[in-house]
PDB file of all heavy atoms in Angstrom:
ATOM      1  N   ILE A   1       0.886  -1.134  -0.019  1.00  0.00           N
ATOM      2  CA  ILE A   1       0.003  -0.001   0.044  1.00  0.00           C
ATOM      3  C   ILE A   1       0.911   1.232  -0.001  1.00  0.00           C
ATOM      4  O   ILE A   1       1.557   1.513   0.997  1.00  0.00           O
ATOM      5  CB  ILE A   1      -0.946   0.032   1.250  1.00  0.00           C
ATOM      6  CG1 ILE A   1      -1.867  -1.236   1.246  1.00  0.00           C
ATOM      7  CG2 ILE A   1      -1.851   1.281   1.262  1.00  0.00           C
ATOM      8  CD1 ILE A   1      -2.645  -1.385   2.438  1.00  0.00           C
ATOM      9  N   MET A   2       1.057   1.852  -1.173  1.00  0.00           N
ATOM     10  CA  MET A   2       1.925   2.955  -1.335  1.00  0.00           C
ATOM     11  C   MET A   2       1.340   4.245  -0.806  1.00  0.00           C
ATOM     12  O   MET A   2       0.490   4.875  -1.480  1.00  0.00           O
ATOM     13  CB  MET A   2       2.303   3.109  -2.757  1.00  0.00           C
ATOM     14  CG  MET A   2       2.940   1.815  -3.438  1.00  0.00           C
ATOM     15  SD  MET A   2       3.219   2.065  -5.237  1.00  0.00           S
ATOM     16  CE  MET A   2       1.560   2.383  -5.884  1.00  0.00           C
ATOM     17  N   ASP A   3       1.717   4.634   0.367  1.00  0.00           N
ATOM     18  CA  ASP A   3       1.106   5.823   1.050  1.00  0.00           C
ATOM     19  C   ASP A   3       2.184   6.866   1.424  1.00  0.00           C
ATOM     20  O   ASP A   3       3.328   6.519   1.740  1.00  0.00           O
ATOM     21  CB  ASP A   3       0.441   5.324   2.318  1.00  0.00           C
ATOM     22  CG  ASP A   3      -0.616   6.336   2.837  1.00  0.00           C
ATOM     23  OD1 ASP A   3      -0.919   7.192   2.090  1.00  0.00           O
ATOM     24  OD2 ASP A   3      -1.069   6.106   4.045  1.00  0.00           O
ATOM     25  N   GLY A   4       1.735   8.096   1.422  1.00  0.00           N
ATOM     26  CA  GLY A   4       2.642   9.138   1.871  1.00  0.00           C
ATOM     27  C   GLY A   4       3.166  10.122   0.768  1.00  0.00           C
ATOM     28  O   GLY A   4       3.947  10.974   1.044  1.00  0.00           O
ATOM     29  N   ASN A   5       2.648   9.940  -0.436  1.00  0.00           N
ATOM     30  CA  ASN A   5       3.185  10.821  -1.542  1.00  0.00           C
ATOM     31  C   ASN A   5       2.865  12.312  -1.230  1.00  0.00           C
ATOM     32  O   ASN A   5       3.703  13.138  -1.391  1.00  0.00           O
ATOM     33  CB  ASN A   5       2.560  10.440  -2.833  1.00  0.00           C
ATOM     34  CG  ASN A   5       3.022   9.142  -3.381  1.00  0.00           C
ATOM     35  OD1 ASN A   5       4.038   8.590  -2.946  1.00  0.00           O
ATOM     36  ND2 ASN A   5       2.357   8.623  -4.376  1.00  0.00           N
ATOM     37  N   GLY A   6       1.651  12.568  -0.839  1.00  0.00           N
ATOM     38  CA  GLY A   6       1.201  13.890  -0.529  1.00  0.00           C
ATOM     39  C   GLY A   6       1.932  14.479   0.662  1.00  0.00           C
ATOM     40  O   GLY A   6       2.392  15.670   0.528  1.00  0.00           O
ATOM     41  N   ARG A   7       2.137  13.767   1.726  1.00  0.00           N
ATOM     42  CA  ARG A   7       2.900  14.286   2.856  1.00  0.00           C
ATOM     43  C   ARG A   7       4.402  14.515   2.460  1.00  0.00           C
ATOM     44  O   ARG A   7       5.007  15.419   2.976  1.00  0.00           O
ATOM     45  CB  ARG A   7       2.810  13.294   3.999  1.00  0.00           C
ATOM     46  CG  ARG A   7       1.523  13.460   4.873  1.00  0.00           C
ATOM     47  CD  ARG A   7       1.274  12.409   5.758  1.00  0.00           C
ATOM     48  NE  ARG A   7       0.763  11.174   5.054  1.00  0.00           N
ATOM     49  CZ  ARG A   7       0.564  10.010   5.650  1.00  0.00           C
ATOM     50  NH1 ARG A   7       0.920   9.864   6.837  1.00  0.00           N
ATOM     51  NH2 ARG A   7       0.011   9.029   4.914  1.00  0.00           N
ATOM     52  N   TRP A   8       4.865  13.672   1.624  1.00  0.00           N
ATOM     53  CA  TRP A   8       6.304  13.874   1.220  1.00  0.00           C
ATOM     54  C   TRP A   8       6.377  15.225   0.425  1.00  0.00           C
ATOM     55  O   TRP A   8       7.394  15.928   0.718  1.00  0.00           O
ATOM     56  CB  TRP A   8       6.646  12.669   0.275  1.00  0.00           C
ATOM     57  CG  TRP A   8       8.107  12.743  -0.302  1.00  0.00           C
ATOM     58  CD1 TRP A   8       9.198  12.190   0.326  1.00  0.00           C
ATOM     59  CD2 TRP A   8       8.553  13.460  -1.445  1.00  0.00           C
ATOM     60  NE1 TRP A   8      10.289  12.444  -0.447  1.00  0.00           N
ATOM     61  CE2 TRP A   8       9.924  13.226  -1.560  1.00  0.00           C
ATOM     62  CE3 TRP A   8       7.910  14.164  -2.408  1.00  0.00           C
ATOM     63  CZ2 TRP A   8      10.761  13.774  -2.660  1.00  0.00           C
ATOM     64  CZ3 TRP A   8       8.681  14.715  -3.446  1.00  0.00           C
ATOM     65  CH2 TRP A   8      10.115  14.492  -3.485  1.00  0.00           C
ATOM     66  N   ALA A   9       5.465  15.523  -0.398  1.00  0.00           N
ATOM     67  CA  ALA A   9       5.490  16.803  -1.115  1.00  0.00           C
ATOM     68  C   ALA A   9       5.296  17.950  -0.157  1.00  0.00           C
ATOM     69  O   ALA A   9       5.925  18.995  -0.230  1.00  0.00           O
ATOM     70  CB  ALA A   9       4.418  16.764  -2.211  1.00  0.00           C
ATOM     71  N   GLN A  10       4.346  17.811   0.740  1.00  0.00           N
ATOM     72  CA  GLN A  10       3.974  18.982   1.666  1.00  0.00           C
ATOM     73  C   GLN A  10       5.289  19.284   2.600  1.00  0.00           C
ATOM     74  O   GLN A  10       5.472  20.471   2.850  1.00  0.00           O
ATOM     75  CB  GLN A  10       2.803  18.579   2.501  1.00  0.00           C
ATOM     76  CG  GLN A  10       1.474  18.610   1.646  1.00  0.00           C
ATOM     77  CD  GLN A  10       0.297  17.957   2.400  1.00  0.00           C
ATOM     78  OE1 GLN A  10       0.406  17.451   3.567  1.00  0.00           O
ATOM     79  NE2 GLN A  10      -0.837  18.076   1.815  1.00  0.00           N
ATOM     80  N   LYS A  11       5.930  18.319   3.060  1.00  0.00           N
ATOM     81  CA  LYS A  11       7.129  18.495   3.804  1.00  0.00           C
ATOM     82  C   LYS A  11       8.174  19.374   3.046  1.00  0.00           C
ATOM     83  O   LYS A  11       8.924  20.074   3.690  1.00  0.00           O
ATOM     84  CB  LYS A  11       7.675  17.208   4.253  1.00  0.00           C
ATOM     85  CG  LYS A  11       7.020  16.427   5.361  1.00  0.00           C
ATOM     86  CD  LYS A  11       7.535  15.095   5.559  1.00  0.00           C
ATOM     87  CE  LYS A  11       8.975  15.148   6.106  1.00  0.00           C
ATOM     88  NZ  LYS A  11       9.556  13.863   6.404  1.00  0.00           N
ATOM     89  N   ARG A  12       8.100  19.307   1.704  1.00  0.00           N
ATOM     90  CA  ARG A  12       9.117  20.047   0.855  1.00  0.00           C
ATOM     91  C   ARG A  12       8.512  21.255   0.254  1.00  0.00           C
ATOM     92  O   ARG A  12       9.014  21.850  -0.630  1.00  0.00           O
ATOM     93  CB  ARG A  12       9.647  19.108  -0.152  1.00  0.00           C
ATOM     94  CG  ARG A  12      10.516  17.985   0.427  1.00  0.00           C
ATOM     95  CD  ARG A  12      10.661  16.804  -0.476  1.00  0.00           C
ATOM     96  NE  ARG A  12      11.595  15.802   0.088  1.00  0.00           N
ATOM     97  CZ  ARG A  12      11.335  15.011   1.037  1.00  0.00           C
ATOM     98  NH1 ARG A  12      10.071  15.007   1.628  1.00  0.00           N
ATOM     99  NH2 ARG A  12      12.216  14.155   1.546  1.00  0.00           N
ATOM    100  N   HIS A  13       7.313  21.617   0.729  1.00  0.00           N
ATOM    101  CA  HIS A  13       6.508  22.786   0.205  1.00  0.00           C
ATOM    102  C   HIS A  13       6.312  22.640  -1.336  1.00  0.00           C
ATOM    103  O   HIS A  13       6.394  23.585  -2.005  1.00  0.00           O
ATOM    104  CB  HIS A  13       7.203  24.066   0.570  1.00  0.00           C
ATOM    105  CG  HIS A  13       7.532  24.149   2.104  1.00  0.00           C
ATOM    106  ND1 HIS A  13       6.537  24.374   2.961  1.00  0.00           N
ATOM    107  CD2 HIS A  13       8.692  23.977   2.700  1.00  0.00           C
ATOM    108  CE1 HIS A  13       6.985  24.394   4.213  1.00  0.00           C
ATOM    109  NE2 HIS A  13       8.387  24.240   4.122  1.00  0.00           N
ATOM    110  N   LEU A  14       5.967  21.413  -1.702  1.00  0.00           N
ATOM    111  CA  LEU A  14       5.701  21.157  -3.139  1.00  0.00           C
ATOM    112  C   LEU A  14       4.277  20.754  -3.353  1.00  0.00           C
ATOM    113  O   LEU A  14       3.581  20.319  -2.366  1.00  0.00           O
ATOM    114  CB  LEU A  14       6.605  20.007  -3.632  1.00  0.00           C
ATOM    115  CG  LEU A  14       8.146  20.225  -3.656  1.00  0.00           C
ATOM    116  CD1 LEU A  14       8.791  18.949  -3.914  1.00  0.00           C
ATOM    117  CD2 LEU A  14       8.544  21.328  -4.613  1.00  0.00           C
ATOM    118  N   PRO A  15       3.669  20.918  -4.525  1.00  0.00           N
ATOM    119  CA  PRO A  15       2.265  20.441  -4.647  1.00  0.00           C
ATOM    120  C   PRO A  15       2.236  18.964  -4.540  1.00  0.00           C
ATOM    121  O   PRO A  15       3.202  18.267  -4.822  1.00  0.00           O
ATOM    122  CB  PRO A  15       1.989  20.909  -6.178  1.00  0.00           C
ATOM    123  CG  PRO A  15       3.363  21.059  -6.791  1.00  0.00           C
ATOM    124  CD  PRO A  15       4.270  21.547  -5.650  1.00  0.00           C
ATOM    125  N   ARG A  16       1.099  18.469  -4.209  1.00  0.00           N
ATOM    126  CA  ARG A  16       0.840  17.083  -3.994  1.00  0.00           C
ATOM    127  C   ARG A  16       1.277  16.175  -5.236  1.00  0.00           C
ATOM    128  O   ARG A  16       1.823  15.089  -5.046  1.00  0.00           O
ATOM    129  CB  ARG A  16      -0.574  16.719  -3.661  1.00  0.00           C
ATOM    130  CG  ARG A  16      -0.879  17.148  -2.167  1.00  0.00           C
ATOM    131  CD  ARG A  16      -2.333  16.845  -1.897  1.00  0.00           C
ATOM    132  NE  ARG A  16      -2.769  15.466  -2.026  1.00  0.00           N
ATOM    133  CZ  ARG A  16      -2.558  14.532  -1.059  1.00  0.00           C
ATOM    134  NH1 ARG A  16      -2.074  14.920   0.030  1.00  0.00           N
ATOM    135  NH2 ARG A  16      -2.979  13.287  -1.327  1.00  0.00           N
ATOM    136  N   VAL A  17       1.064  16.664  -6.361  1.00  0.00           N
ATOM    137  CA  VAL A  17       1.369  15.927  -7.590  1.00  0.00           C
ATOM    138  C   VAL A  17       2.912  15.676  -7.679  1.00  0.00           C
ATOM    139  O   VAL A  17       3.244  14.670  -8.301  1.00  0.00           O
ATOM    140  CB  VAL A  17       0.787  16.609  -8.850  1.00  0.00           C
ATOM    141  CG1 VAL A  17      -0.666  16.709  -8.869  1.00  0.00           C
ATOM    142  CG2 VAL A  17       1.457  17.996  -9.008  1.00  0.00           C
ATOM    143  N   ALA A  18       3.693  16.516  -7.067  1.00  0.00           N
ATOM    144  CA  ALA A  18       5.130  16.269  -7.135  1.00  0.00           C
ATOM    145  C   ALA A  18       5.431  15.076  -6.300  1.00  0.00           C
ATOM    146  O   ALA A  18       6.335  14.198  -6.691  1.00  0.00           O
ATOM    147  CB  ALA A  18       5.850  17.500  -6.528  1.00  0.00           C
ATOM    148  N   GLY A  19       4.694  14.777  -5.263  1.00  0.00           N
ATOM    149  CA  GLY A  19       4.860  13.549  -4.481  1.00  0.00           C
ATOM    150  C   GLY A  19       4.541  12.282  -5.365  1.00  0.00           C
ATOM    151  O   GLY A  19       5.118  11.260  -5.278  1.00  0.00           O
ATOM    152  N   HIS A  20       3.413  12.478  -6.062  1.00  0.00           N
ATOM    153  CA  HIS A  20       2.954  11.351  -6.930  1.00  0.00           C
ATOM    154  C   HIS A  20       4.034  10.995  -8.010  1.00  0.00           C
ATOM    155  O   HIS A  20       4.247   9.869  -8.360  1.00  0.00           O
ATOM    156  CB  HIS A  20       1.632  11.576  -7.550  1.00  0.00           C
ATOM    157  CG  HIS A  20       0.498  11.688  -6.625  1.00  0.00           C
ATOM    158  ND1 HIS A  20       0.281  10.717  -5.596  1.00  0.00           N
ATOM    159  CD2 HIS A  20      -0.490  12.604  -6.375  1.00  0.00           C
ATOM    160  CE1 HIS A  20      -0.747  11.068  -4.888  1.00  0.00           C
ATOM    161  NE2 HIS A  20      -1.220  12.162  -5.228  1.00  0.00           N
ATOM    162  N   ARG A  21       4.599  12.112  -8.521  1.00  0.00           N
ATOM    163  CA  ARG A  21       5.562  11.908  -9.583  1.00  0.00           C
ATOM    164  C   ARG A  21       6.839  11.178  -8.981  1.00  0.00           C
ATOM    165  O   ARG A  21       7.376  10.241  -9.593  1.00  0.00           O
ATOM    166  CB  ARG A  21       6.036  13.200 -10.209  1.00  0.00           C
ATOM    167  CG  ARG A  21       6.965  13.100 -11.383  1.00  0.00           C
ATOM    168  CD  ARG A  21       7.306  14.490 -11.962  1.00  0.00           C
ATOM    169  NE  ARG A  21       6.216  15.093 -12.646  1.00  0.00           N
ATOM    170  CZ  ARG A  21       5.470  16.137 -12.135  1.00  0.00           C
ATOM    171  NH1 ARG A  21       5.907  16.676 -11.009  1.00  0.00           N
ATOM    172  NH2 ARG A  21       4.524  16.625 -12.793  1.00  0.00           N
ATOM    173  N   GLU A  22       7.193  11.577  -7.847  1.00  0.00           N
ATOM    174  CA  GLU A  22       8.383  10.974  -7.145  1.00  0.00           C
ATOM    175  C   GLU A  22       7.963   9.591  -6.792  1.00  0.00           C
ATOM    176  O   GLU A  22       8.851   8.674  -6.833  1.00  0.00           O
ATOM    177  CB  GLU A  22       8.812  11.796  -5.923  1.00  0.00           C
ATOM    178  CG  GLU A  22      10.091  11.355  -5.266  1.00  0.00           C
ATOM    179  CD  GLU A  22      11.304  11.400  -6.200  1.00  0.00           C
ATOM    180  OE1 GLU A  22      11.288  12.276  -7.132  1.00  0.00           O
ATOM    181  OE2 GLU A  22      12.236  10.642  -6.063  1.00  0.00           O
ATOM    182  N   GLY A  23       6.713   9.348  -6.414  1.00  0.00           N
ATOM    183  CA  GLY A  23       6.304   7.992  -6.032  1.00  0.00           C
ATOM    184  C   GLY A  23       6.407   7.078  -7.141  1.00  0.00           C
ATOM    185  O   GLY A  23       6.745   5.873  -6.935  1.00  0.00           O
ATOM    186  N   MET A  24       6.219   7.547  -8.465  1.00  0.00           N
ATOM    187  CA  MET A  24       6.348   6.717  -9.483  1.00  0.00           C
ATOM    188  C   MET A  24       7.791   6.314  -9.790  1.00  0.00           C
ATOM    189  O   MET A  24       8.035   5.142 -10.199  1.00  0.00           O
ATOM    190  CB  MET A  24       5.749   7.330 -10.818  1.00  0.00           C
ATOM    191  CG  MET A  24       5.648   6.461 -12.011  1.00  0.00           C
ATOM    192  SD  MET A  24       4.492   5.134 -11.743  1.00  0.00           S
ATOM    193  CE  MET A  24       4.999   3.926 -13.063  1.00  0.00           C
ATOM    194  N   ASN A  25       8.627   7.252  -9.539  1.00  0.00           N
ATOM    195  CA  ASN A  25      10.079   6.912  -9.556  1.00  0.00           C
ATOM    196  C   ASN A  25      10.380   5.754  -8.622  1.00  0.00           C
ATOM    197  O   ASN A  25      11.207   4.846  -8.868  1.00  0.00           O
ATOM    198  CB  ASN A  25      10.967   8.113  -9.378  1.00  0.00           C
ATOM    199  CG  ASN A  25      10.859   9.125 -10.389  1.00  0.00           C
ATOM    200  OD1 ASN A  25      10.675   8.763 -11.585  1.00  0.00           O
ATOM    201  ND2 ASN A  25      11.023  10.411 -10.053  1.00  0.00           N
ATOM    202  N   THR A  26       9.833   5.792  -7.439  1.00  0.00           N
ATOM    203  CA  THR A  26      10.034   4.778  -6.421  1.00  0.00           C
ATOM    204  C   THR A  26       9.469   3.463  -6.865  1.00  0.00           C
ATOM    205  O   THR A  26      10.069   2.413  -6.721  1.00  0.00           O
ATOM    206  CB  THR A  26       9.419   5.177  -5.141  1.00  0.00           C
ATOM    207  OG1 THR A  26       9.907   6.390  -4.565  1.00  0.00           O
ATOM    208  CG2 THR A  26       9.609   4.148  -4.077  1.00  0.00           C
ATOM    209  N   VAL A  27       8.328   3.432  -7.675  1.00  0.00           N
ATOM    210  CA  VAL A  27       7.744   2.299  -8.174  1.00  0.00           C
ATOM    211  C   VAL A  27       8.727   1.600  -9.092  1.00  0.00           C
ATOM    212  O   VAL A  27       8.934   0.359  -9.042  1.00  0.00           O
ATOM    213  CB  VAL A  27       6.481   2.609  -8.949  1.00  0.00           C
ATOM    214  CG1 VAL A  27       6.053   1.398  -9.886  1.00  0.00           C
ATOM    215  CG2 VAL A  27       5.310   2.970  -8.024  1.00  0.00           C
ATOM    216  N   LYS A  28       9.455   2.399  -9.930  1.00  0.00           N
ATOM    217  CA  LYS A  28      10.399   1.800 -10.841  1.00  0.00           C
ATOM    218  C   LYS A  28      11.572   1.172 -10.127  1.00  0.00           C
ATOM    219  O   LYS A  28      12.063   0.054 -10.399  1.00  0.00           O
ATOM    220  CB  LYS A  28      10.930   2.885 -11.794  1.00  0.00           C
ATOM    221  CG  LYS A  28       9.817   3.543 -12.684  1.00  0.00           C
ATOM    222  CD  LYS A  28      10.399   4.629 -13.506  1.00  0.00           C
ATOM    223  CE  LYS A  28       9.340   5.261 -14.406  1.00  0.00           C
ATOM    224  NZ  LYS A  28       9.754   6.366 -15.238  1.00  0.00           N
ATOM    225  N   LYS A  29      12.082   1.862  -9.003  1.00  0.00           N
ATOM    226  CA  LYS A  29      13.195   1.310  -8.299  1.00  0.00           C
ATOM    227  C   LYS A  29      12.803   0.099  -7.493  1.00  0.00           C
ATOM    228  O   LYS A  29      13.659  -0.936  -7.509  1.00  0.00           O
ATOM    229  CB  LYS A  29      13.724   2.393  -7.335  1.00  0.00           C
ATOM    230  CG  LYS A  29      14.420   3.590  -7.982  1.00  0.00           C
ATOM    231  CD  LYS A  29      14.944   4.570  -7.014  1.00  0.00           C
ATOM    232  CE  LYS A  29      13.868   5.325  -6.260  1.00  0.00           C
ATOM    233  NZ  LYS A  29      14.452   6.401  -5.394  1.00  0.00           N
ATOM    234  N   ILE A  30      11.698   0.087  -6.893  1.00  0.00           N
ATOM    235  CA  ILE A  30      11.337  -1.059  -5.992  1.00  0.00           C
ATOM    236  C   ILE A  30      10.965  -2.257  -6.903  1.00  0.00           C
ATOM    237  O   ILE A  30      11.159  -3.329  -6.541  1.00  0.00           O
ATOM    238  CB  ILE A  30      10.208  -0.676  -5.071  1.00  0.00           C
ATOM    239  CG1 ILE A  30      10.668   0.404  -4.056  1.00  0.00           C
ATOM    240  CG2 ILE A  30       9.645  -1.879  -4.295  1.00  0.00           C
ATOM    241  CD1 ILE A  30      11.947   0.038  -3.407  1.00  0.00           C
ATOM    242  N   THR A  31      10.346  -2.045  -8.005  1.00  0.00           N
ATOM    243  CA  THR A  31      10.042  -3.106  -9.043  1.00  0.00           C
ATOM    244  C   THR A  31      11.353  -3.878  -9.268  1.00  0.00           C
ATOM    245  O   THR A  31      11.399  -5.105  -9.275  1.00  0.00           O
ATOM    246  CB  THR A  31       9.431  -2.625 -10.239  1.00  0.00           C
ATOM    247  OG1 THR A  31       8.163  -2.018  -9.996  1.00  0.00           O
ATOM    248  CG2 THR A  31       9.191  -3.744 -11.232  1.00  0.00           C
ATOM    249  N   MET A  32      12.378  -3.137  -9.625  1.00  0.00           N
ATOM    250  CA  MET A  32      13.697  -3.827 -10.038  1.00  0.00           C
ATOM    251  C   MET A  32      14.372  -4.431  -8.751  1.00  0.00           C
ATOM    252  O   MET A  32      14.875  -5.532  -8.823  1.00  0.00           O
ATOM    253  CB  MET A  32      14.589  -2.711 -10.633  1.00  0.00           C
ATOM    254  CG  MET A  32      14.095  -2.196 -11.884  1.00  0.00           C
ATOM    255  SD  MET A  32      13.717  -3.491 -13.190  1.00  0.00           S
ATOM    256  CE  MET A  32      12.988  -2.509 -14.416  1.00  0.00           C
ATOM    257  N   SER A  33      14.240  -3.853  -7.544  1.00  0.00           N
ATOM    258  CA  SER A  33      14.719  -4.488  -6.335  1.00  0.00           C
ATOM    259  C   SER A  33      14.031  -5.714  -6.032  1.00  0.00           C
ATOM    260  O   SER A  33      14.654  -6.739  -5.742  1.00  0.00           O
ATOM    261  CB  SER A  33      14.537  -3.432  -5.137  1.00  0.00           C
ATOM    262  OG  SER A  33      15.318  -2.262  -5.395  1.00  0.00           O
ATOM    263  N   ALA A  34      12.704  -5.777  -6.186  1.00  0.00           N
ATOM    264  CA  ALA A  34      11.960  -6.930  -5.795  1.00  0.00           C
ATOM    265  C   ALA A  34      12.216  -8.074  -6.847  1.00  0.00           C
ATOM    266  O   ALA A  34      12.381  -9.215  -6.479  1.00  0.00           O
ATOM    267  CB  ALA A  34      10.406  -6.665  -5.834  1.00  0.00           C
ATOM    268  N   ASN A  35      12.362  -7.679  -8.084  1.00  0.00           N
ATOM    269  CA  ASN A  35      12.691  -8.648  -9.099  1.00  0.00           C
ATOM    270  C   ASN A  35      14.089  -9.224  -8.838  1.00  0.00           C
ATOM    271  O   ASN A  35      14.249 -10.532  -8.929  1.00  0.00           O
ATOM    272  CB  ASN A  35      12.703  -8.020 -10.519  1.00  0.00           C
ATOM    273  CG  ASN A  35      12.932  -8.885 -11.604  1.00  0.00           C
ATOM    274  OD1 ASN A  35      12.148  -9.997 -11.671  1.00  0.00           O
ATOM    275  ND2 ASN A  35      13.711  -8.526 -12.549  1.00  0.00           N
ATOM    276  N   ASN A  36      14.971  -8.464  -8.420  1.00  0.00           N
ATOM    277  CA  ASN A  36      16.322  -8.973  -8.273  1.00  0.00           C
ATOM    278  C   ASN A  36      16.444  -9.864  -6.968  1.00  0.00           C
ATOM    279  O   ASN A  36      17.273 -10.733  -6.899  1.00  0.00           O
ATOM    280  CB  ASN A  36      17.332  -7.704  -8.050  1.00  0.00           C
ATOM    281  CG  ASN A  36      17.659  -7.020  -9.267  1.00  0.00           C
ATOM    282  OD1 ASN A  36      17.478  -7.578 -10.358  1.00  0.00           O
ATOM    283  ND2 ASN A  36      17.952  -5.728  -9.174  1.00  0.00           N
TER     284      ASN A  36
END
């Protein structure tokens, strides 16, 4: 359950969508980690 994108952005004074964009980058990294 991928939670916390909005709070990640708010902590950095960024719009919530910035957290979702960064969250997608995490999806890519964790997909490869899990596969490995």
